[in-house]
Amino acid sequence: MTAGQTIFWRAASVLSSHLAEVLGTDQKVFMRRARGLPQAVKSCVIVRVPRSSATTGSGVGAPSLWGSHLQVDCLVRATEAVDGVADALLGRVIEALKPEAVRDTAIAGLQLAQIEWDDDYDGESSVCISISYQLRHGGPHGGGVRV
């Protein structure tokens, strides 16, 4: 981890590394702030942190915790069985991030919150399934945003 890294980037980094390890070398996993990828990529998983909200602890001087929305996009482009391939990838990601699979990691407590389907999102017979997770987390000793 980089010195001065934020807890948000750390959470995305841990999630991305975990997915890369579990999904194996046959599936590309990217950690991006934006969704755009080269056209040569036909199937991949993209990990992003689109939003985090601060929550305040109770009492004076209590550390803040953050509620982060971690998004995992399953992108499949231009294959004959695009729907089936995308659905299989969705299942693999959900299985990889189930509570017992991340229990001993920095993303323990990750909760599946929502799934959205975006068919033909780039005009090339593509499917992007966005899986939203929620994570409550804090910096060292429960507060702050730096690792």
N, C-alpha and C. Protein backbone atom coordinates (compact mmCIF):
# COMPACT_ATOMS: atom_id res chain seq x y z
N MET A 1 0.82 -1.18 0.00
CA MET A 1 0.00 0.00 0.00
C MET A 1 0.87 1.25 0.00
N THR A 2 0.40 2.24 -0.67
CA THR A 2 1.12 3.49 -0.78
C THR A 2 0.94 4.32 0.48
N ALA A 3 2.02 4.97 0.91
CA ALA A 3 1.93 5.86 2.07
C ALA A 3 0.96 6.98 1.75
N GLY A 4 0.08 7.29 2.67
CA GLY A 4 -0.87 8.36 2.47
C GLY A 4 -2.09 7.95 1.66
N GLN A 5 -2.21 6.68 1.35
CA GLN A 5 -3.35 6.19 0.59
C GLN A 5 -4.64 6.37 1.40
N THR A 6 -5.73 6.70 0.74
CA THR A 6 -6.99 6.86 1.46
C THR A 6 -7.62 5.50 1.74
N ILE A 7 -8.50 5.47 2.74
CA ILE A 7 -9.20 4.24 3.08
C ILE A 7 -10.13 3.80 1.94
N PHE A 8 -10.55 4.74 1.12
CA PHE A 8 -11.46 4.43 0.01
C PHE A 8 -10.71 3.66 -1.07
N TRP A 9 -9.53 4.16 -1.43
CA TRP A 9 -8.72 3.49 -2.44
C TRP A 9 -8.24 2.13 -1.91
N ARG A 10 -7.94 2.08 -0.60
CA ARG A 10 -7.52 0.82 -0.01
C ARG A 10 -8.63 -0.23 -0.10
N ALA A 11 -9.86 0.15 0.20
CA ALA A 11 -10.98 -0.78 0.13
C ALA A 11 -11.15 -1.30 -1.30
N ALA A 12 -11.08 -0.40 -2.28
CA ALA A 12 -11.20 -0.81 -3.69
C ALA A 12 -10.03 -1.69 -4.10
N SER A 13 -8.86 -1.38 -3.60
CA SER A 13 -7.66 -2.15 -3.91
C SER A 13 -7.74 -3.57 -3.34
N VAL A 14 -8.20 -3.69 -2.10
CA VAL A 14 -8.34 -5.01 -1.47
C VAL A 14 -9.42 -5.81 -2.21
N LEU A 15 -10.53 -5.17 -2.53
CA LEU A 15 -11.61 -5.85 -3.25
C LEU A 15 -11.12 -6.32 -4.62
N SER A 16 -10.41 -5.46 -5.32
CA SER A 16 -9.88 -5.78 -6.64
C SER A 16 -8.90 -6.95 -6.58
N SER A 17 -7.98 -6.91 -5.62
CA SER A 17 -7.00 -7.99 -5.46
C SER A 17 -7.68 -9.31 -5.12
N HIS A 18 -8.67 -9.25 -4.25
CA HIS A 18 -9.40 -10.45 -3.86
C HIS A 18 -10.10 -11.06 -5.08
N LEU A 19 -10.77 -10.23 -5.87
CA LEU A 19 -11.45 -10.73 -7.06
C LEU A 19 -10.45 -11.32 -8.07
N ALA A 20 -9.33 -10.65 -8.27
CA ALA A 20 -8.32 -11.15 -9.21
C ALA A 20 -7.82 -12.52 -8.78
N GLU A 21 -7.61 -12.69 -7.49
CA GLU A 21 -7.13 -13.97 -6.97
C GLU A 21 -8.19 -15.06 -7.14
N VAL A 22 -9.42 -14.76 -6.78
CA VAL A 22 -10.48 -15.77 -6.83
C VAL A 22 -10.92 -16.09 -8.26
N LEU A 23 -11.05 -15.07 -9.10
CA LEU A 23 -11.52 -15.29 -10.47
C LEU A 23 -10.44 -15.89 -11.37
N GLY A 24 -9.19 -15.70 -11.01
CA GLY A 24 -8.09 -16.29 -11.77
C GLY A 24 -7.66 -15.48 -12.97
N THR A 25 -6.69 -15.99 -13.67
CA THR A 25 -6.08 -15.27 -14.79
C THR A 25 -6.96 -15.21 -16.03
N ASP A 26 -8.02 -16.03 -16.08
CA ASP A 26 -8.89 -16.00 -17.25
C ASP A 26 -9.84 -14.80 -17.24
N GLN A 27 -9.88 -14.05 -16.14
CA GLN A 27 -10.77 -12.89 -16.05
C GLN A 27 -9.98 -11.65 -15.65
N LYS A 28 -9.98 -10.63 -16.48
CA LYS A 28 -9.28 -9.38 -16.17
C LYS A 28 -10.07 -8.61 -15.11
N VAL A 29 -9.33 -8.05 -14.13
CA VAL A 29 -9.94 -7.22 -13.09
C VAL A 29 -9.20 -5.89 -13.10
N PHE A 30 -9.96 -4.81 -13.26
CA PHE A 30 -9.39 -3.47 -13.28
C PHE A 30 -9.91 -2.68 -12.09
N MET A 31 -9.09 -1.79 -11.58
CA MET A 31 -9.53 -0.86 -10.56
C MET A 31 -9.45 0.52 -11.21
N ARG A 32 -10.60 1.13 -11.41
CA ARG A 32 -10.66 2.38 -12.16
C ARG A 32 -11.54 3.39 -11.46
N ARG A 33 -11.28 4.63 -11.73
CA ARG A 33 -12.18 5.68 -11.27
C ARG A 33 -13.22 5.97 -12.35
N ALA A 34 -12.93 5.59 -13.57
CA ALA A 34 -13.86 5.78 -14.68
C ALA A 34 -14.14 4.43 -15.31
N ARG A 35 -15.20 4.33 -16.08
CA ARG A 35 -15.64 3.06 -16.63
C ARG A 35 -15.02 2.73 -17.98
N GLY A 36 -14.49 3.69 -18.70
CA GLY A 36 -14.00 3.46 -20.05
C GLY A 36 -12.80 2.53 -20.12
N LEU A 37 -12.83 1.60 -21.08
CA LEU A 37 -11.75 0.65 -21.30
C LEU A 37 -11.50 0.49 -22.79
N PRO A 38 -10.32 0.02 -23.17
CA PRO A 38 -10.04 -0.20 -24.60
C PRO A 38 -11.03 -1.19 -25.21
N GLN A 39 -11.35 -1.01 -26.48
CA GLN A 39 -12.29 -1.88 -27.18
C GLN A 39 -11.81 -3.33 -27.27
N ALA A 40 -10.51 -3.55 -27.14
CA ALA A 40 -9.96 -4.90 -27.23
C ALA A 40 -10.37 -5.77 -26.04
N VAL A 41 -10.76 -5.14 -24.94
CA VAL A 41 -11.18 -5.90 -23.76
C VAL A 41 -12.61 -6.37 -23.98
N LYS A 42 -12.79 -7.69 -24.05
CA LYS A 42 -14.11 -8.26 -24.34
C LYS A 42 -14.87 -8.71 -23.11
N SER A 43 -14.17 -8.93 -22.01
CA SER A 43 -14.82 -9.35 -20.77
C SER A 43 -13.93 -8.93 -19.61
N CYS A 44 -14.51 -8.29 -18.62
CA CYS A 44 -13.70 -7.86 -17.49
C CYS A 44 -14.58 -7.50 -16.30
N VAL A 45 -13.92 -7.26 -15.19
CA VAL A 45 -14.56 -6.78 -13.98
C VAL A 45 -13.87 -5.47 -13.63
N ILE A 46 -14.66 -4.44 -13.33
CA ILE A 46 -14.12 -3.12 -13.00
C ILE A 46 -14.59 -2.77 -11.59
N VAL A 47 -13.65 -2.42 -10.71
CA VAL A 47 -13.97 -2.06 -9.34
C VAL A 47 -13.82 -0.55 -9.19
N ARG A 48 -14.86 0.08 -8.64
CA ARG A 48 -14.87 1.55 -8.46
C ARG A 48 -15.46 1.91 -7.10
N VAL A 49 -15.13 3.10 -6.63
CA VAL A 49 -15.77 3.66 -5.43
C VAL A 49 -16.45 4.96 -5.87
N PRO A 50 -17.72 4.88 -6.28
CA PRO A 50 -18.38 6.09 -6.77
C PRO A 50 -18.85 7.05 -5.67
N ARG A 51 -18.97 6.55 -4.42
CA ARG A 51 -19.52 7.44 -3.39
C ARG A 51 -19.18 6.92 -1.99
N SER A 52 -18.90 7.83 -1.08
CA SER A 52 -18.73 7.52 0.35
C SER A 52 -19.39 8.63 1.15
N SER A 53 -20.02 8.24 2.24
CA SER A 53 -20.68 9.21 3.12
C SER A 53 -20.17 9.05 4.54
N ALA A 54 -19.90 10.16 5.18
CA ALA A 54 -19.41 10.12 6.56
C ALA A 54 -20.57 9.87 7.52
N THR A 55 -20.29 9.08 8.54
CA THR A 55 -21.23 8.89 9.64
C THR A 55 -20.47 9.26 10.90
N THR A 56 -21.12 9.89 11.83
CA THR A 56 -20.45 10.37 13.03
C THR A 56 -20.65 9.40 14.17
N GLY A 57 -19.59 9.19 14.92
CA GLY A 57 -19.69 8.38 16.12
C GLY A 57 -20.48 9.13 17.18
N SER A 58 -20.88 8.43 18.23
CA SER A 58 -21.63 9.10 19.29
C SER A 58 -20.67 9.62 20.34
N GLY A 59 -20.90 10.83 20.77
CA GLY A 59 -20.05 11.45 21.79
C GLY A 59 -19.01 12.36 21.20
N VAL A 60 -18.55 13.28 22.02
CA VAL A 60 -17.54 14.24 21.58
C VAL A 60 -16.22 13.52 21.34
N GLY A 61 -15.61 13.82 20.24
CA GLY A 61 -14.32 13.24 19.90
C GLY A 61 -14.39 11.81 19.39
N ALA A 62 -15.61 11.30 19.22
CA ALA A 62 -15.75 9.94 18.69
C ALA A 62 -15.33 9.93 17.22
N PRO A 63 -14.60 8.92 16.81
CA PRO A 63 -14.13 8.88 15.42
C PRO A 63 -15.27 8.69 14.43
N SER A 64 -15.05 9.18 13.24
CA SER A 64 -16.02 9.02 12.17
C SER A 64 -15.80 7.70 11.46
N LEU A 65 -16.88 7.14 11.02
CA LEU A 65 -16.83 5.98 10.14
C LEU A 65 -17.37 6.42 8.79
N TRP A 66 -17.07 5.67 7.78
CA TRP A 66 -17.53 5.98 6.44
C TRP A 66 -18.40 4.85 5.92
N GLY A 67 -19.42 5.20 5.21
CA GLY A 67 -20.24 4.23 4.48
C GLY A 67 -19.90 4.38 3.02
N SER A 68 -19.16 3.43 2.48
CA SER A 68 -18.73 3.52 1.08
C SER A 68 -19.55 2.59 0.21
N HIS A 69 -19.86 3.11 -0.95
CA HIS A 69 -20.54 2.35 -2.00
C HIS A 69 -19.42 1.84 -2.90
N LEU A 70 -19.22 0.55 -2.93
CA LEU A 70 -18.21 -0.05 -3.81
C LEU A 70 -18.97 -0.69 -4.97
N GLN A 71 -18.59 -0.34 -6.17
CA GLN A 71 -19.29 -0.86 -7.34
C GLN A 71 -18.39 -1.80 -8.12
N VAL A 72 -18.94 -2.95 -8.48
CA VAL A 72 -18.23 -3.93 -9.29
C VAL A 72 -19.02 -4.07 -10.59
N ASP A 73 -18.42 -3.62 -11.68
CA ASP A 73 -19.06 -3.73 -13.00
C ASP A 73 -18.55 -4.98 -13.70
N CYS A 74 -19.48 -5.82 -14.12
CA CYS A 74 -19.15 -7.01 -14.92
C CYS A 74 -19.48 -6.66 -16.37
N LEU A 75 -18.46 -6.50 -17.18
CA LEU A 75 -18.64 -6.06 -18.56
C LEU A 75 -18.32 -7.20 -19.51
N VAL A 76 -19.26 -7.47 -20.42
CA VAL A 76 -19.06 -8.48 -21.46
C VAL A 76 -19.46 -7.83 -22.78
N ARG A 77 -18.55 -7.87 -23.76
CA ARG A 77 -18.78 -7.24 -25.05
C ARG A 77 -18.87 -8.26 -26.18
N ALA A 78 -19.78 -8.02 -27.07
CA ALA A 78 -19.85 -8.63 -28.40
C ALA A 78 -19.47 -10.11 -28.47
N THR A 79 -20.18 -10.94 -27.73
CA THR A 79 -20.05 -12.38 -27.91
C THR A 79 -21.44 -12.89 -28.29
N GLU A 80 -21.51 -14.07 -28.90
CA GLU A 80 -22.81 -14.61 -29.29
C GLU A 80 -23.70 -14.86 -28.08
N ALA A 81 -23.10 -15.34 -27.01
CA ALA A 81 -23.86 -15.67 -25.80
C ALA A 81 -23.64 -14.61 -24.72
N VAL A 82 -23.71 -13.34 -25.11
CA VAL A 82 -23.36 -12.25 -24.20
C VAL A 82 -24.17 -12.30 -22.90
N ASP A 83 -25.44 -12.60 -22.97
CA ASP A 83 -26.27 -12.64 -21.76
C ASP A 83 -25.84 -13.76 -20.82
N GLY A 84 -25.61 -14.95 -21.37
CA GLY A 84 -25.20 -16.08 -20.55
C GLY A 84 -23.82 -15.88 -19.94
N VAL A 85 -22.89 -15.32 -20.72
CA VAL A 85 -21.54 -15.06 -20.22
C VAL A 85 -21.58 -14.01 -19.11
N ALA A 86 -22.37 -12.96 -19.31
CA ALA A 86 -22.49 -11.91 -18.29
C ALA A 86 -23.12 -12.45 -17.02
N ASP A 87 -24.15 -13.28 -17.15
CA ASP A 87 -24.80 -13.85 -15.98
C ASP A 87 -23.87 -14.78 -15.21
N ALA A 88 -23.07 -15.55 -15.92
CA ALA A 88 -22.10 -16.44 -15.27
C ALA A 88 -21.05 -15.63 -14.51
N LEU A 89 -20.59 -14.52 -15.12
CA LEU A 89 -19.62 -13.65 -14.46
C LEU A 89 -20.23 -13.01 -13.22
N LEU A 90 -21.48 -12.57 -13.31
CA LEU A 90 -22.20 -12.03 -12.16
C LEU A 90 -22.20 -13.04 -11.01
N GLY A 91 -22.53 -14.28 -11.32
CA GLY A 91 -22.57 -15.32 -10.29
C GLY A 91 -21.21 -15.56 -9.65
N ARG A 92 -20.15 -15.55 -10.45
CA ARG A 92 -18.79 -15.75 -9.93
C ARG A 92 -18.39 -14.62 -8.99
N VAL A 93 -18.72 -13.39 -9.36
CA VAL A 93 -18.36 -12.23 -8.52
C VAL A 93 -19.12 -12.27 -7.20
N ILE A 94 -20.42 -12.51 -7.25
CA ILE A 94 -21.22 -12.57 -6.02
C ILE A 94 -20.69 -13.67 -5.10
N GLU A 95 -20.37 -14.82 -5.67
CA GLU A 95 -19.83 -15.93 -4.87
C GLU A 95 -18.48 -15.54 -4.25
N ALA A 96 -17.64 -14.85 -5.01
CA ALA A 96 -16.31 -14.45 -4.52
C ALA A 96 -16.38 -13.43 -3.39
N LEU A 97 -17.48 -12.65 -3.34
CA LEU A 97 -17.59 -11.58 -2.35
C LEU A 97 -18.62 -11.88 -1.25
N LYS A 98 -19.05 -13.12 -1.14
CA LYS A 98 -20.00 -13.44 -0.08
C LYS A 98 -19.32 -13.24 1.28
N PRO A 99 -20.09 -12.98 2.33
CA PRO A 99 -19.51 -12.62 3.64
C PRO A 99 -18.42 -13.57 4.14
N GLU A 100 -18.61 -14.86 4.02
CA GLU A 100 -17.61 -15.79 4.53
C GLU A 100 -16.33 -15.77 3.70
N ALA A 101 -16.40 -15.33 2.45
CA ALA A 101 -15.21 -15.27 1.59
C ALA A 101 -14.33 -14.06 1.89
N VAL A 102 -14.89 -13.01 2.50
CA VAL A 102 -14.11 -11.80 2.79
C VAL A 102 -13.98 -11.55 4.30
N ARG A 103 -14.36 -12.52 5.10
CA ARG A 103 -14.40 -12.36 6.56
C ARG A 103 -13.07 -11.89 7.15
N ASP A 104 -11.95 -12.41 6.70
CA ASP A 104 -10.65 -12.08 7.29
C ASP A 104 -9.87 -11.07 6.45
N THR A 105 -10.56 -10.20 5.76
CA THR A 105 -9.90 -9.20 4.91
C THR A 105 -10.28 -7.79 5.38
N ALA A 106 -9.66 -6.79 4.76
CA ALA A 106 -9.96 -5.39 5.09
C ALA A 106 -11.34 -4.97 4.60
N ILE A 107 -12.02 -5.84 3.85
CA ILE A 107 -13.38 -5.52 3.38
C ILE A 107 -14.42 -6.40 4.08
N ALA A 108 -14.06 -6.94 5.24
CA ALA A 108 -15.01 -7.73 6.02
C ALA A 108 -16.22 -6.84 6.33
N GLY A 109 -17.39 -7.39 6.25
CA GLY A 109 -18.61 -6.62 6.47
C GLY A 109 -19.22 -6.09 5.19
N LEU A 110 -18.59 -6.38 4.05
CA LEU A 110 -19.12 -5.97 2.75
C LEU A 110 -20.52 -6.56 2.57
N GLN A 111 -21.47 -5.72 2.16
CA GLN A 111 -22.86 -6.17 2.01
C GLN A 111 -23.37 -5.87 0.61
N LEU A 112 -23.92 -6.89 -0.03
CA LEU A 112 -24.55 -6.72 -1.33
C LEU A 112 -25.77 -5.83 -1.17
N ALA A 113 -25.85 -4.78 -1.98
CA ALA A 113 -26.94 -3.81 -1.82
C ALA A 113 -27.86 -3.73 -3.03
N GLN A 114 -27.31 -3.89 -4.25
CA GLN A 114 -28.14 -3.66 -5.44
C GLN A 114 -27.43 -4.21 -6.67
N ILE A 115 -28.23 -4.61 -7.67
CA ILE A 115 -27.69 -5.05 -8.96
C ILE A 115 -28.47 -4.32 -10.06
N GLU A 116 -27.73 -3.78 -11.03
CA GLU A 116 -28.36 -3.10 -12.17
C GLU A 116 -27.82 -3.68 -13.47
N TRP A 117 -28.69 -3.82 -14.46
CA TRP A 117 -28.29 -4.31 -15.78
C TRP A 117 -28.37 -3.16 -16.78
N ASP A 118 -27.32 -3.01 -17.57
CA ASP A 118 -27.26 -2.00 -18.61
C ASP A 118 -26.94 -2.72 -19.91
N ASP A 119 -27.98 -3.05 -20.67
CA ASP A 119 -27.79 -3.78 -21.91
C ASP A 119 -27.33 -2.85 -23.02
N ASP A 120 -26.39 -3.34 -23.81
CA ASP A 120 -25.88 -2.62 -24.98
C ASP A 120 -25.44 -1.20 -24.62
N TYR A 121 -24.70 -1.08 -23.51
CA TYR A 121 -24.36 0.25 -23.01
C TYR A 121 -23.39 1.01 -23.90
N ASP A 122 -22.62 0.32 -24.76
CA ASP A 122 -21.69 1.04 -25.63
C ASP A 122 -21.99 0.85 -27.11
N GLY A 123 -23.19 0.34 -27.44
CA GLY A 123 -23.58 0.18 -28.83
C GLY A 123 -22.93 -0.99 -29.54
N GLU A 124 -22.35 -1.93 -28.80
CA GLU A 124 -21.66 -3.06 -29.42
C GLU A 124 -22.15 -4.40 -28.88
N SER A 125 -23.45 -4.55 -28.70
CA SER A 125 -24.02 -5.78 -28.16
C SER A 125 -23.35 -6.17 -26.85
N SER A 126 -23.25 -5.24 -25.96
CA SER A 126 -22.57 -5.41 -24.69
C SER A 126 -23.57 -5.45 -23.54
N VAL A 127 -23.13 -6.05 -22.45
CA VAL A 127 -23.89 -6.03 -21.21
C VAL A 127 -22.95 -5.59 -20.11
N CYS A 128 -23.42 -4.68 -19.28
CA CYS A 128 -22.68 -4.29 -18.09
C CYS A 128 -23.62 -4.49 -16.91
N ILE A 129 -23.24 -5.40 -16.02
CA ILE A 129 -24.02 -5.64 -14.81
C ILE A 129 -23.26 -5.00 -13.67
N SER A 130 -23.89 -4.01 -13.03
CA SER A 130 -23.26 -3.28 -11.93
C SER A 130 -23.77 -3.83 -10.60
N ILE A 131 -22.84 -4.33 -9.80
CA ILE A 131 -23.17 -4.89 -8.50
C ILE A 131 -22.70 -3.88 -7.46
N SER A 132 -23.63 -3.40 -6.65
CA SER A 132 -23.30 -2.40 -5.63
C SER A 132 -23.19 -3.07 -4.27
N TYR A 133 -22.12 -2.74 -3.57
CA TYR A 133 -21.89 -3.22 -2.22
C TYR A 133 -21.75 -2.02 -1.29
N GLN A 134 -22.10 -2.21 -0.04
CA GLN A 134 -21.92 -1.19 0.99
C GLN A 134 -20.89 -1.70 1.98
N LEU A 135 -20.03 -0.78 2.45
CA LEU A 135 -19.01 -1.12 3.43
C LEU A 135 -18.89 0.02 4.43
N ARG A 136 -19.01 -0.28 5.71
CA ARG A 136 -18.75 0.70 6.76
C ARG A 136 -17.31 0.49 7.21
N HIS A 137 -16.52 1.54 7.16
CA HIS A 137 -15.10 1.42 7.49
C HIS A 137 -14.54 2.74 7.97
N GLY A 138 -13.37 2.68 8.56
CA GLY A 138 -12.70 3.88 9.07
C GLY A 138 -11.21 3.74 8.88
N GLY A 139 -10.51 4.81 9.16
CA GLY A 139 -9.04 4.78 9.09
C GLY A 139 -8.48 4.12 10.33
N PRO A 140 -7.17 4.26 10.53
CA PRO A 140 -6.54 3.68 11.71
C PRO A 140 -7.25 4.14 12.99
N HIS A 141 -7.47 3.24 13.88
CA HIS A 141 -8.12 3.53 15.16
C HIS A 141 -9.55 4.03 14.97
N GLY A 142 -10.16 3.73 13.81
CA GLY A 142 -11.56 4.05 13.57
C GLY A 142 -11.85 5.38 12.95
N GLY A 143 -10.90 6.30 12.86
CA GLY A 143 -11.20 7.62 12.31
C GLY A 143 -10.25 7.98 11.18
N GLY A 144 -10.51 9.10 10.56
CA GLY A 144 -9.66 9.59 9.50
C GLY A 144 -9.88 8.90 8.17
N VAL A 145 -9.20 9.38 7.15
CA VAL A 145 -9.36 8.81 5.82
C VAL A 145 -8.05 8.30 5.25
N ARG A 146 -6.94 8.45 5.96
CA ARG A 146 -5.66 7.96 5.49
C ARG A 146 -5.33 6.63 6.13
N VAL A 147 -4.67 5.79 5.37
CA VAL A 147 -4.25 4.48 5.89
C VAL A 147 -3.04 4.68 6.75
